Each structure stands twice: as C-alpha cells, then as structure tokens.
Amino acid sequence: MTATAELLGYLDGRPLPRTELDRRLAALRDGPRASALPAPGSGEDRQLTRWVAQVLLTEELCRAEAAARELDCAAAPPVRLDQRAAVELGSIAAAAFEGSAAVRAVFAEVTAEVEPSAAELAAYRAAAAPVAALTWQLTGPDGDFEADPATLPTALAAALRAAPRGEPVTVGGWTAALTGERAPVGSADPADRLRACARRIAFVRWLDRARAERLTLVPGLEHPGDPAQPDNHHRH
C-alpha cells in the first residue's frame, strides 16, 4: 500500500489518516441499508468512497476552523435539514452539517451577519404576491361570513373600509360590519426564509474557498464530481 493510499488527504499540509473513512464505509456495509449500496469494487462503489471522503474532509476542515475560532461546538445542537436546505447546501455539505457539530458551529459563525437585502425582499414579495387579496371577516343580519372585498358592492366595500372596525354600515340595502381580516395562504413575511437561504449560499461559498485553499486531495479520493477522475461518467 502506498503512502497516499493510507491517507484521507491533507489539511493545511498536515496528512489526515483514512482510518475514519474505512470505519464509516464498513459501518455502511454492515448497516440496515447495505443492500442498496453499490457492489464492492465497482465504479459506483469508488464514487461512494469519494463522497464519504469529501464529507469527512469537510468535517475535518470545520473542526480545525472551529478550534481556531474557539467556537463552542456544544452550542450547535443536532439538526435535521429539510429537502430545500439539503439541496441548497449540496449533498456533501448537508451530510457534514447534519453529522458534525463543528460544521454547524462554523456555519453559524461565518453566516451570522448575512441578511437578505431590502431589494431582495421586495423582489420576492412582488414575485410571490398572492393573487387573492385579504379575506374580510364580516358579520351581517344572517350571521358571520367571509368575503373577498373585490366581490362586494363597491359602495359597501368603501363604507366598510371607512367605518371603525366592528361598526355596522348599511349601503344600498346591504348591512354588514367588518370584524377582521385573514391573510391568504402563502402571504407570511418571507424574511426568515430568505435569510436562511442566503446564509446557506454564503456558507457554501465560504466552504468552497476554504476547501480550495486548505485541502489537498489524494488519488482515488478526488471529488466525485471531478471530471478528471475515471469514475465520473456524467458528461454534457
């Protein structure tokens, strides 16, 4: 076995043993989903090995970063990502994020000040504005009901807007009081959702730079998407 065959890779020039990689691969082979794994020795199996190696390298990189920044990894509790978040991070970063407190701690640190801009929020609200207006909650002689204000007689809608909340108005034979409004589904403020998305994008960019600057890969454990490695059969 060559020297590089015993390595996971290099972090800041420091060799990382592949012991944990072999342990995780063995655990997968002995686990409940072993039957779904590719045949040992196949190209798909080598791609799986590369993928697990990249997850481990990401964890090692963030562990070193967390130590350098003196981060409290215990303050980064386990997280289960939803599908959108996993796609935005990418499968390797998502697996590392879920599996490593150090990755989560570094994520929180490097994205703490990332916020969506006012222009981004405005553009999202304009693009996602629901077709329906607020639904009015009304009460009349026959009981309570709801209505889109655009469907009410124009004069009645205008009188209800002008009247104090809950005060009955009568226009053209119609009597009603506006008691409340209900926002349409999907109209919640998008700031939290856009912030989370922006932070995931920022973290991926930070991670890509850090990987390029600090990690050195070894033959056989290239990135699975590297077009130069022999088992990447994805072609455009």
Protein backbone atom coordinates (compact mmCIF):
# COMPACT_ATOMS: atom_id res chain seq x y z
CA MET A 1 0.00 0.00 0.00
CA THR A 2 1.39 3.39 -0.99
CA ALA A 3 1.69 6.27 1.43
CA THR A 4 -1.20 8.18 -0.20
CA ALA A 5 -3.40 5.06 -0.09
CA GLU A 6 -3.27 5.31 3.70
CA LEU A 7 -4.38 8.95 3.68
CA LEU A 8 -7.72 10.72 3.55
CA GLY A 9 -5.99 13.86 2.29
CA TYR A 10 -4.07 16.87 3.58
CA LEU A 11 -5.42 19.76 5.63
CA ASP A 12 -3.12 22.79 5.71
CA GLY A 13 -0.34 20.43 4.63
CA ARG A 14 -1.00 18.05 7.51
CA PRO A 15 -1.69 14.43 6.48
CA LEU A 16 -5.04 13.01 7.60
CA PRO A 17 -5.24 9.24 8.08
CA ARG A 18 -8.08 7.42 6.33
CA THR A 19 -8.94 5.33 9.40
CA GLU A 20 -12.29 7.06 9.92
CA LEU A 21 -13.14 6.70 6.23
CA ASP A 22 -12.63 2.94 6.40
CA ARG A 23 -14.67 2.78 9.60
CA ARG A 24 -17.60 4.66 8.10
CA LEU A 25 -17.57 2.61 4.92
CA ALA A 26 -17.57 -0.59 6.98
CA ALA A 27 -20.48 0.74 9.06
CA LEU A 28 -22.42 1.41 5.87
CA ARG A 29 -21.71 -2.10 4.61
CA ASP A 30 -22.90 -3.56 7.90
CA GLY A 31 -25.87 -1.22 8.24
CA PRO A 32 -29.57 -1.67 7.51
CA ARG A 33 -29.27 -0.20 4.01
CA ALA A 34 -26.34 -2.32 2.90
CA SER A 35 -28.40 -3.98 0.18
CA ALA A 36 -28.91 -0.61 -1.52
CA LEU A 37 -25.17 0.12 -1.77
CA PRO A 38 -23.21 -0.44 -4.98
CA ALA A 39 -21.28 -3.65 -5.50
CA PRO A 40 -17.84 -3.59 -3.86
CA GLY A 41 -15.10 -2.74 -6.33
CA SER A 42 -17.45 -1.17 -8.86
CA GLY A 43 -17.15 2.37 -10.19
CA GLU A 44 -20.22 3.33 -8.19
CA ASP A 45 -18.57 1.93 -5.07
CA ARG A 46 -15.49 4.04 -5.67
CA GLN A 47 -17.74 7.07 -6.12
CA LEU A 48 -19.39 6.31 -2.79
CA THR A 49 -15.95 6.16 -1.19
CA ARG A 50 -15.07 9.53 -2.71
CA TRP A 51 -18.34 11.02 -1.46
CA VAL A 52 -17.83 9.80 2.11
CA ALA A 53 -14.23 11.06 1.96
CA GLN A 54 -15.43 14.54 0.99
CA VAL A 55 -17.89 14.56 3.89
CA LEU A 56 -15.07 13.65 6.27
CA LEU A 57 -12.73 16.25 4.81
CA THR A 58 -15.43 18.88 5.25
CA GLU A 59 -15.85 17.84 8.87
CA GLU A 60 -12.09 17.94 9.48
CA LEU A 61 -11.80 21.37 7.87
CA CYS A 62 -14.59 22.78 10.02
CA ARG A 63 -13.24 21.11 13.15
CA ALA A 64 -9.93 22.91 12.59
CA GLU A 65 -11.74 26.18 11.84
CA ALA A 66 -13.89 25.86 14.95
CA ALA A 67 -10.78 25.28 17.07
CA ALA A 68 -9.02 28.28 15.53
CA ARG A 69 -12.02 30.50 16.23
CA GLU A 70 -12.52 28.96 19.70
CA LEU A 71 -16.14 28.14 18.93
CA ASP A 72 -18.36 26.28 21.35
CA CYS A 73 -19.45 23.28 19.29
CA ALA A 74 -21.65 22.06 22.12
CA ALA A 75 -23.88 25.06 21.40
CA ALA A 76 -24.66 23.66 17.93
CA PRO A 77 -27.33 21.02 18.58
CA PRO A 78 -28.21 18.26 16.09
CA VAL A 79 -30.26 19.40 13.11
CA ARG A 80 -32.31 17.55 10.53
CA LEU A 81 -32.35 19.53 7.29
CA ASP A 82 -35.44 19.76 5.16
CA GLN A 83 -35.21 18.93 1.46
CA ARG A 84 -34.82 22.54 0.32
CA ALA A 85 -31.96 23.22 2.73
CA ALA A 86 -30.18 19.99 1.76
CA VAL A 87 -30.39 20.85 -1.94
CA GLU A 88 -29.10 24.38 -1.36
CA LEU A 89 -26.12 23.11 0.63
CA GLY A 90 -25.38 20.18 -1.68
CA SER A 91 -25.27 16.55 -0.55
CA ILE A 92 -21.72 16.62 0.85
CA ALA A 93 -22.10 19.80 2.89
CA ALA A 94 -25.58 18.74 4.00
CA ALA A 95 -24.32 15.39 5.30
CA ALA A 96 -21.43 17.08 7.09
CA PHE A 97 -23.78 19.70 8.55
CA GLU A 98 -26.13 17.08 9.97
CA GLY A 99 -23.31 14.87 11.24
CA SER A 100 -20.86 17.34 12.76
CA ALA A 101 -21.37 19.93 15.49
CA ALA A 102 -18.20 21.67 14.29
CA VAL A 103 -19.70 22.20 10.84
CA ARG A 104 -22.85 23.66 12.37
CA ALA A 105 -20.83 25.92 14.66
CA VAL A 106 -18.72 27.24 11.78
CA PHE A 107 -21.85 27.72 9.69
CA ALA A 108 -23.39 29.87 12.44
CA GLU A 109 -20.18 31.86 12.85
CA VAL A 110 -19.41 32.66 9.22
CA THR A 111 -23.03 33.47 8.30
CA ALA A 112 -24.07 35.37 11.44
CA GLU A 113 -24.21 38.74 9.68
CA VAL A 114 -25.71 37.57 6.38
CA GLU A 115 -29.09 39.16 5.72
CA PRO A 116 -31.25 39.44 2.61
CA SER A 117 -31.20 42.94 1.18
CA ALA A 118 -34.26 45.16 1.09
CA ALA A 119 -34.26 44.84 -2.70
CA GLU A 120 -34.24 41.03 -2.48
CA LEU A 121 -37.14 41.06 -0.03
CA ALA A 122 -39.11 43.47 -2.19
CA ALA A 123 -38.46 41.43 -5.32
CA TYR A 124 -39.54 38.23 -3.58
CA ARG A 125 -42.72 39.81 -2.25
CA ALA A 126 -43.57 41.18 -5.69
CA ALA A 127 -42.93 37.84 -7.40
CA ALA A 128 -44.75 35.79 -4.79
CA ALA A 129 -47.63 38.17 -4.13
CA PRO A 130 -50.80 36.10 -3.86
CA VAL A 131 -53.46 36.77 -6.45
CA ALA A 132 -56.14 36.97 -3.80
CA ALA A 133 -56.45 39.98 -1.51
CA LEU A 134 -57.03 39.76 2.20
CA THR A 135 -60.22 37.93 3.04
CA TRP A 136 -62.60 40.04 5.08
CA GLN A 137 -64.34 38.54 8.09
CA LEU A 138 -67.80 40.06 8.24
CA THR A 139 -70.98 39.84 10.25
CA GLY A 140 -74.45 40.67 8.99
CA PRO A 141 -78.13 40.10 9.81
CA ASP A 142 -77.82 36.44 8.79
CA GLY A 143 -74.64 35.70 10.74
CA ASP A 144 -70.90 35.67 10.18
CA PHE A 145 -69.28 35.15 6.78
CA GLU A 146 -66.07 35.79 4.84
CA ALA A 147 -65.64 37.56 1.51
CA ASP A 148 -63.01 38.88 -0.85
CA PRO A 149 -63.59 42.67 -0.70
CA ALA A 150 -63.39 42.79 -4.51
CA THR A 151 -66.56 40.70 -4.68
CA LEU A 152 -68.61 43.10 -2.54
CA PRO A 153 -70.59 46.01 -3.94
CA THR A 154 -68.14 48.87 -4.44
CA ALA A 155 -70.03 51.31 -2.23
CA LEU A 156 -70.40 48.77 0.56
CA ALA A 157 -66.70 47.89 0.47
CA ALA A 158 -65.78 51.58 0.60
CA ALA A 159 -68.10 52.17 3.58
CA LEU A 160 -66.69 49.19 5.45
CA ARG A 161 -63.14 50.46 4.90
CA ALA A 162 -64.08 53.87 6.27
CA ALA A 163 -66.05 52.63 9.28
CA PRO A 164 -64.44 51.72 12.62
CA ARG A 165 -63.77 48.00 12.95
CA GLY A 166 -66.93 46.18 14.03
CA GLU A 167 -69.34 49.06 13.33
CA PRO A 168 -72.27 48.04 11.07
CA VAL A 169 -72.84 50.03 7.88
CA THR A 170 -75.84 49.94 5.54
CA VAL A 171 -75.42 50.73 1.86
CA GLY A 172 -77.95 50.00 -0.89
CA GLY A 173 -79.89 47.60 1.27
CA TRP A 174 -76.78 45.73 2.41
CA THR A 175 -75.86 45.75 6.12
CA ALA A 176 -72.59 44.36 7.39
CA ALA A 177 -69.75 45.02 9.81
CA LEU A 178 -66.07 44.31 9.15
CA THR A 179 -64.78 42.36 12.17
CA GLY A 180 -61.40 41.16 10.94
CA GLU A 181 -59.11 40.15 8.07
CA ARG A 182 -57.47 36.87 7.17
CA ALA A 183 -54.28 36.76 5.14
CA PRO A 184 -54.23 34.32 2.24
CA VAL A 185 -52.10 31.19 2.48
CA GLY A 186 -48.52 31.86 1.48
CA SER A 187 -48.50 35.55 2.40
CA ALA A 188 -46.35 35.22 5.53
CA ASP A 189 -43.34 37.51 5.73
CA PRO A 190 -40.52 35.84 3.75
CA ALA A 191 -37.62 37.43 5.67
CA ASP A 192 -36.79 34.35 7.76
CA ARG A 193 -36.95 32.03 4.78
CA LEU A 194 -34.78 34.29 2.60
CA ARG A 195 -32.31 34.80 5.45
CA ALA A 196 -31.88 31.05 5.89
CA CYS A 197 -31.39 30.61 2.15
CA ALA A 198 -28.88 33.47 1.95
CA ARG A 199 -26.89 32.01 4.83
CA ARG A 200 -26.73 28.58 3.23
CA ILE A 201 -25.48 30.13 -0.01
CA ALA A 202 -22.88 32.17 1.89
CA PHE A 203 -21.68 29.09 3.75
CA VAL A 204 -21.28 27.07 0.55
CA ARG A 205 -19.19 29.89 -0.94
CA TRP A 206 -17.05 30.08 2.20
CA LEU A 207 -16.65 26.32 2.21
CA ASP A 208 -15.65 26.17 -1.46
CA ARG A 209 -12.95 28.77 -0.87
CA ALA A 210 -11.68 27.06 2.27
CA ARG A 211 -11.55 23.68 0.56
CA ALA A 212 -9.61 25.10 -2.38
CA GLU A 213 -7.14 26.90 -0.14
CA ARG A 214 -6.64 24.36 2.66
CA LEU A 215 -7.36 20.85 1.41
CA THR A 216 -5.19 18.70 -0.82
CA LEU A 217 -6.86 15.60 -2.21
CA VAL A 218 -5.13 12.30 -2.92
CA PRO A 219 -5.54 9.96 -5.90
CA GLY A 220 -8.64 7.81 -5.57
CA LEU A 221 -10.35 10.24 -3.22
CA GLU A 222 -10.98 13.07 -5.63
CA HIS A 223 -14.29 14.90 -5.52
CA PRO A 224 -16.87 12.54 -7.03
CA GLY A 225 -17.90 15.28 -9.46
CA ASP A 226 -14.36 15.91 -10.69
CA PRO A 227 -14.48 15.32 -14.46
CA ALA A 228 -10.82 14.29 -14.46
CA GLN A 229 -11.30 11.21 -12.28
CA PRO A 230 -12.03 7.96 -14.14
CA ASP A 231 -15.32 7.03 -12.46
CA ASN A 232 -17.16 10.27 -13.25
CA HIS A 233 -19.32 9.20 -16.16
CA HIS A 234 -21.52 12.31 -16.13
CA ARG A 235 -20.98 14.05 -19.43
CA HIS A 236 -22.59 17.08 -21.12
